[in-house]
């Protein structure tokens, strides 16, 4: 929702740049899976666990 509400940024910074970065991240994950096979799966599992713990302990402030 922040991307729709932030009107002071250009549409490139609100929509295009985040979309291109997500596509790049997905490409890098797929490329790593093809080149490193099973070794990257263990890395992605550990990364996912760390991200879950980080989201639990993050201090999110909601703006109303």
C-alpha atoms as a PDB file:
ATOM      1  CA  UNK A   1       0.000   0.000   0.000  1.00  0.00           C
ATOM      2  CA  UNK A   2       2.900   2.366   0.605  1.00  0.00           C
ATOM      3  CA  UNK A   3       3.732   2.353  -3.082  1.00  0.00           C
ATOM      4  CA  UNK A   4       0.265   3.659  -3.947  1.00  0.00           C
ATOM      5  CA  UNK A   5       0.152   6.262  -1.166  1.00  0.00           C
ATOM      6  CA  UNK A   6       3.589   7.844  -1.649  1.00  0.00           C
ATOM      7  CA  UNK A   7       2.744  10.429  -4.284  1.00  0.00           C
ATOM      8  CA  UNK A   8       5.936  12.484  -3.868  1.00  0.00           C
ATOM      9  CA  UNK A   9       8.029   9.799  -5.614  1.00  0.00           C
ATOM     10  CA  UNK A  10       7.938   9.248  -9.350  1.00  0.00           C
ATOM     11  CA  UNK A  11       6.126   6.251 -10.774  1.00  0.00           C
ATOM     12  CA  UNK A  12       9.486   4.768 -11.781  1.00  0.00           C
ATOM     13  CA  UNK A  13      10.664   4.673  -8.157  1.00  0.00           C
ATOM     14  CA  UNK A  14       7.298   3.440  -6.892  1.00  0.00           C
ATOM     15  CA  UNK A  15       6.512   0.692  -9.402  1.00  0.00           C
ATOM     16  CA  UNK A  16       9.155   0.039 -12.060  1.00  0.00           C
ATOM     17  CA  UNK A  17      12.306  -0.155  -9.911  1.00  0.00           C
ATOM     18  CA  UNK A  18      10.814  -2.529  -7.286  1.00  0.00           C
ATOM     19  CA  UNK A  19       9.373  -4.763 -10.011  1.00  0.00           C
ATOM     20  CA  UNK A  20      12.692  -4.971 -11.856  1.00  0.00           C
ATOM     21  CA  UNK A  21      14.533  -5.719  -8.606  1.00  0.00           C
ATOM     22  CA  UNK A  22      12.138  -8.557  -7.756  1.00  0.00           C
ATOM     23  CA  UNK A  23      12.565 -10.036 -11.224  1.00  0.00           C
ATOM     24  CA  UNK A  24      16.347  -9.811 -10.790  1.00  0.00           C
ATOM     25  CA  UNK A  25      16.181 -11.574  -7.414  1.00  0.00           C
ATOM     26  CA  UNK A  26      14.058 -14.381  -8.818  1.00  0.00           C
ATOM     27  CA  UNK A  27      16.462 -14.751 -11.748  1.00  0.00           C
ATOM     28  CA  UNK A  28      19.462 -15.010  -9.401  1.00  0.00           C
ATOM     29  CA  UNK A  29      17.730 -17.685  -7.294  1.00  0.00           C
ATOM     30  CA  UNK A  30      16.893 -19.738 -10.387  1.00  0.00           C
ATOM     31  CA  UNK A  31      20.425 -19.312 -11.779  1.00  0.00           C
ATOM     32  CA  UNK A  32      21.938 -20.446  -8.461  1.00  0.00           C
ATOM     33  CA  UNK A  33      19.672 -23.500  -8.401  1.00  0.00           C
ATOM     34  CA  UNK A  34      20.757 -24.491 -11.908  1.00  0.00           C
ATOM     35  CA  UNK A  35      24.472 -23.977 -11.292  1.00  0.00           C
ATOM     36  CA  UNK A  36      24.910 -25.258  -7.714  1.00  0.00           C
ATOM     37  CA  UNK A  37      22.092 -27.828  -7.590  1.00  0.00           C
ATOM     38  CA  UNK A  38      21.411 -29.126  -4.050  1.00  0.00           C
ATOM     39  CA  UNK A  39      23.993 -26.938  -2.258  1.00  0.00           C
ATOM     40  CA  UNK A  40      21.938 -23.815  -2.841  1.00  0.00           C
ATOM     41  CA  UNK A  41      18.801 -25.439  -1.408  1.00  0.00           C
ATOM     42  CA  UNK A  42      20.469 -25.756   2.001  1.00  0.00           C
ATOM     43  CA  UNK A  43      21.521 -22.116   1.800  1.00  0.00           C
ATOM     44  CA  UNK A  44      17.987 -21.003   0.913  1.00  0.00           C
ATOM     45  CA  UNK A  45      16.529 -22.971   3.836  1.00  0.00           C
ATOM     46  CA  UNK A  46      18.972 -21.364   6.290  1.00  0.00           C
ATOM     47  CA  UNK A  47      18.290 -17.952   4.752  1.00  0.00           C
ATOM     48  CA  UNK A  48      14.539 -18.478   5.116  1.00  0.00           C
ATOM     49  CA  UNK A  49      14.882 -19.437   8.784  1.00  0.00           C
ATOM     50  CA  UNK A  50      16.986 -16.346   9.491  1.00  0.00           C
ATOM     51  CA  UNK A  51      14.443 -14.141   7.709  1.00  0.00           C
ATOM     52  CA  UNK A  52      11.588 -15.638   9.747  1.00  0.00           C
ATOM     53  CA  UNK A  53      13.425 -14.937  13.010  1.00  0.00           C
ATOM     54  CA  UNK A  54      14.179 -11.417  11.806  1.00  0.00           C
ATOM     55  CA  UNK A  55      10.545 -10.736  11.000  1.00  0.00           C
ATOM     56  CA  UNK A  56       9.481 -11.993  14.422  1.00  0.00           C
ATOM     57  CA  UNK A  57      11.892  -9.703  16.262  1.00  0.00           C
ATOM     58  CA  UNK A  58      11.574  -6.630  14.037  1.00  0.00           C
ATOM     59  CA  UNK A  59      10.009  -3.540  15.524  1.00  0.00           C
ATOM     60  CA  UNK A  60       7.311  -2.619  13.043  1.00  0.00           C
ATOM     61  CA  UNK A  61       5.627   0.697  13.613  1.00  0.00           C
ATOM     62  CA  UNK A  62       2.233   0.988  11.983  1.00  0.00           C
ATOM     63  CA  UNK A  63       1.206   4.340  10.574  1.00  0.00           C
ATOM     64  CA  UNK A  64      -2.464   5.130  10.803  1.00  0.00           C
END
